[in-house]
Amino acid sequence: VQLQASGGGLVQAGGSLRLSCEASGTAFSVVAWGWYRQAPGKQREMVATISSRGNINYADSVRGRFTIVSDAKNTVHLEMNSLKPEDTAVYYCKAVNRLGSAVWGQGTLVTVSS
């Protein structure tokens, strides 16, 4: 299976972006999705996760501004509103199957200008 992330770009502070991640290839039976980000010089951190049962978690720094949505068995989105310069990072999607195996997407760059 492969994950294709898209939707990154340059936006001014206060703006919005919508990231998408689609799984393709062999059947993977995704049971959980996640969005993670890595800013320059920092470790990768969890942004939001959603399980097939609808359990959702957000990092404190994005709660209330970002929304994770899974609208199909092979697609997940991250709606990002009220973006801040500190949200600038490469965003990665991750899919986990019922066996606990994880697959990562290639990353999409989000740049928020002040």
C-alpha atoms as a PDB file:
ATOM      1  CA  VAL A   1       0.000   0.000   0.000  1.00  0.00           C
ATOM      2  CA  GLN A   2       1.094   3.594  -0.654  1.00  0.00           C
ATOM      3  CA  LEU A   3      -0.093   6.822   0.916  1.00  0.00           C
ATOM      4  CA  GLN A   4      -0.281   9.972  -1.176  1.00  0.00           C
ATOM      5  CA  ALA A   5      -0.527  13.217   0.760  1.00  0.00           C
ATOM      6  CA  SER A   6      -1.520  16.484  -0.872  1.00  0.00           C
ATOM      7  CA  GLY A   7      -2.838  19.941  -0.116  1.00  0.00           C
ATOM      8  CA  GLY A   8       0.168  21.654   1.394  1.00  0.00           C
ATOM      9  CA  GLY A   9       1.254  25.111   0.374  1.00  0.00           C
ATOM     10  CA  LEU A  10       1.922  28.666   1.434  1.00  0.00           C
ATOM     11  CA  VAL A  11      -0.734  30.522   3.378  1.00  0.00           C
ATOM     12  CA  GLN A  12      -0.869  33.667   5.464  1.00  0.00           C
ATOM     13  CA  ALA A  13      -1.430  33.510   9.187  1.00  0.00           C
ATOM     14  CA  GLY A  14      -5.112  33.143   9.934  1.00  0.00           C
ATOM     15  CA  GLY A  15      -5.721  31.276   6.706  1.00  0.00           C
ATOM     16  CA  SER A  16      -6.850  27.728   6.040  1.00  0.00           C
ATOM     17  CA  LEU A  17      -5.617  24.650   4.232  1.00  0.00           C
ATOM     18  CA  ARG A  18      -7.012  21.179   3.691  1.00  0.00           C
ATOM     19  CA  LEU A  19      -4.637  18.250   3.566  1.00  0.00           C
ATOM     20  CA  SER A  20      -5.667  14.950   2.053  1.00  0.00           C
ATOM     21  CA  CYS A  21      -4.139  11.497   2.204  1.00  0.00           C
ATOM     22  CA  GLU A  22      -5.241   8.605   0.049  1.00  0.00           C
ATOM     23  CA  ALA A  23      -4.177   4.998   0.323  1.00  0.00           C
ATOM     24  CA  SER A  24      -3.749   2.959  -2.812  1.00  0.00           C
ATOM     25  CA  GLY A  25      -2.399  -0.395  -3.786  1.00  0.00           C
ATOM     26  CA  THR A  26      -2.932  -3.681  -2.001  1.00  0.00           C
ATOM     27  CA  ALA A  27      -5.645  -4.050   0.597  1.00  0.00           C
ATOM     28  CA  PHE A  28      -4.474  -2.711   3.934  1.00  0.00           C
ATOM     29  CA  SER A  29      -7.633  -2.547   6.078  1.00  0.00           C
ATOM     30  CA  VAL A  30      -6.854   0.738   7.798  1.00  0.00           C
ATOM     31  CA  VAL A  31      -8.058   0.861  11.410  1.00  0.00           C
ATOM     32  CA  ALA A  32      -6.450   4.172  12.314  1.00  0.00           C
ATOM     33  CA  TRP A  33      -5.175   7.269  10.555  1.00  0.00           C
ATOM     34  CA  GLY A  34      -2.867   9.929  11.823  1.00  0.00           C
ATOM     35  CA  TRP A  35      -1.419  13.242  10.799  1.00  0.00           C
ATOM     36  CA  TYR A  36       2.005  14.143  12.118  1.00  0.00           C
ATOM     37  CA  ARG A  37       4.297  17.075  11.451  1.00  0.00           C
ATOM     38  CA  GLN A  38       7.952  17.879  11.666  1.00  0.00           C
ATOM     39  CA  ALA A  39       9.237  21.411  11.804  1.00  0.00           C
ATOM     40  CA  PRO A  40      12.863  22.245  10.952  1.00  0.00           C
ATOM     41  CA  GLY A  41      15.143  21.207  13.767  1.00  0.00           C
ATOM     42  CA  LYS A  42      12.365  19.542  15.727  1.00  0.00           C
ATOM     43  CA  GLN A  43      11.134  16.018  16.254  1.00  0.00           C
ATOM     44  CA  ARG A  44       8.100  14.679  14.472  1.00  0.00           C
ATOM     45  CA  GLU A  45       4.973  15.160  16.560  1.00  0.00           C
ATOM     46  CA  MET A  46       1.437  13.899  16.479  1.00  0.00           C
ATOM     47  CA  VAL A  47      -1.135  16.387  15.217  1.00  0.00           C
ATOM     48  CA  ALA A  48      -4.333  14.349  15.059  1.00  0.00           C
ATOM     49  CA  THR A  49      -5.443  10.734  14.943  1.00  0.00           C
ATOM     50  CA  ILE A  50      -8.712   9.017  14.146  1.00  0.00           C
ATOM     51  CA  SER A  51      -9.682   5.379  14.505  1.00  0.00           C
ATOM     52  CA  SER A  52     -12.201   3.353  12.530  1.00  0.00           C
ATOM     53  CA  ARG A  53     -14.356   3.449  15.665  1.00  0.00           C
ATOM     54  CA  GLY A  54     -14.400   7.236  15.533  1.00  0.00           C
ATOM     55  CA  ASN A  55     -11.998   7.910  18.396  1.00  0.00           C
ATOM     56  CA  ILE A  56     -10.219  11.197  17.725  1.00  0.00           C
ATOM     57  CA  ASN A  57      -7.240  12.798  19.398  1.00  0.00           C
ATOM     58  CA  TYR A  58      -5.642  16.189  18.812  1.00  0.00           C
ATOM     59  CA  ALA A  59      -2.457  17.773  19.971  1.00  0.00           C
ATOM     60  CA  ASP A  60      -3.176  20.582  22.419  1.00  0.00           C
ATOM     61  CA  SER A  61      -1.563  23.059  20.046  1.00  0.00           C
ATOM     62  CA  VAL A  62      -4.115  22.417  17.290  1.00  0.00           C
ATOM     63  CA  ARG A  63      -7.267  21.497  19.190  1.00  0.00           C
ATOM     64  CA  GLY A  64     -10.114  23.754  18.143  1.00  0.00           C
ATOM     65  CA  ARG A  65      -8.359  24.809  14.937  1.00  0.00           C
ATOM     66  CA  PHE A  66      -7.747  21.527  13.116  1.00  0.00           C
ATOM     67  CA  THR A  67     -10.234  18.785  12.259  1.00  0.00           C
ATOM     68  CA  ILE A  68      -9.395  15.265  11.121  1.00  0.00           C
ATOM     69  CA  VAL A  69     -11.952  13.536   8.945  1.00  0.00           C
ATOM     70  CA  SER A  70     -11.990  10.104   7.378  1.00  0.00           C
ATOM     71  CA  ASP A  71     -14.617  10.081   4.641  1.00  0.00           C
ATOM     72  CA  ALA A  72     -13.794   6.718   3.078  1.00  0.00           C
ATOM     73  CA  LYS A  73     -11.930   3.562   3.920  1.00  0.00           C
ATOM     74  CA  ASN A  74      -8.876   4.803   2.069  1.00  0.00           C
ATOM     75  CA  THR A  75      -8.925   8.581   2.582  1.00  0.00           C
ATOM     76  CA  VAL A  76      -8.302  10.979   5.448  1.00  0.00           C
ATOM     77  CA  HIS A  77      -8.277  14.768   5.530  1.00  0.00           C
ATOM     78  CA  LEU A  78      -6.943  17.400   7.873  1.00  0.00           C
ATOM     79  CA  GLU A  79      -8.861  20.668   7.866  1.00  0.00           C
ATOM     80  CA  MET A  80      -6.584  23.388   9.210  1.00  0.00           C
ATOM     81  CA  ASN A  81      -8.032  26.757  10.166  1.00  0.00           C
ATOM     82  CA  SER A  82      -6.627  29.817  11.916  1.00  0.00           C
ATOM     83  CA  LEU A  83      -3.161  28.785  10.879  1.00  0.00           C
ATOM     84  CA  LYS A  84      -0.198  30.204  12.758  1.00  0.00           C
ATOM     85  CA  PRO A  85       3.437  30.561  11.724  1.00  0.00           C
ATOM     86  CA  GLU A  86       4.302  27.868  14.270  1.00  0.00           C
ATOM     87  CA  ASP A  87       2.195  25.419  12.258  1.00  0.00           C
ATOM     88  CA  THR A  88       4.844  25.555   9.541  1.00  0.00           C
ATOM     89  CA  ALA A  89       6.152  22.026   9.029  1.00  0.00           C
ATOM     90  CA  VAL A  90       6.170  19.028   6.762  1.00  0.00           C
ATOM     91  CA  TYR A  91       2.952  17.131   7.429  1.00  0.00           C
ATOM     92  CA  TYR A  92       2.883  13.360   7.150  1.00  0.00           C
ATOM     93  CA  CYS A  93      -0.055  10.993   7.115  1.00  0.00           C
ATOM     94  CA  LYS A  94       0.106   7.552   8.655  1.00  0.00           C
ATOM     95  CA  ALA A  95      -2.136   4.538   8.307  1.00  0.00           C
ATOM     96  CA  VAL A  96      -2.222   1.591  10.701  1.00  0.00           C
ATOM     97  CA  ASN A  97      -3.848  -1.746   9.972  1.00  0.00           C
ATOM     98  CA  ARG A  98      -5.420  -4.266  12.313  1.00  0.00           C
ATOM     99  CA  LEU A  99      -2.090  -6.058  12.681  1.00  0.00           C
ATOM    100  CA  GLY A 100      -0.431  -2.899  13.928  1.00  0.00           C
ATOM    101  CA  SER A 101       1.613  -2.344  10.796  1.00  0.00           C
ATOM    102  CA  ALA A 102       2.073   1.300   9.845  1.00  0.00           C
ATOM    103  CA  VAL A 103       2.633   3.012   6.537  1.00  0.00           C
ATOM    104  CA  TRP A 104       3.718   6.641   6.114  1.00  0.00           C
ATOM    105  CA  GLY A 105       3.050   9.065   3.318  1.00  0.00           C
ATOM    106  CA  GLN A 106       5.771  11.148   1.708  1.00  0.00           C
ATOM    107  CA  GLY A 107       4.932  14.391   3.461  1.00  0.00           C
ATOM    108  CA  THR A 108       3.514  17.690   2.276  1.00  0.00           C
ATOM    109  CA  LEU A 109       4.953  21.074   3.206  1.00  0.00           C
ATOM    110  CA  VAL A 110       2.809  23.665   4.944  1.00  0.00           C
ATOM    111  CA  THR A 111       4.257  27.155   5.263  1.00  0.00           C
ATOM    112  CA  VAL A 112       2.427  29.823   7.219  1.00  0.00           C
ATOM    113  CA  SER A 113       3.699  33.353   6.779  1.00  0.00           C
ATOM    114  CA  SER A 114       3.265  36.020   9.431  1.00  0.00           C
END
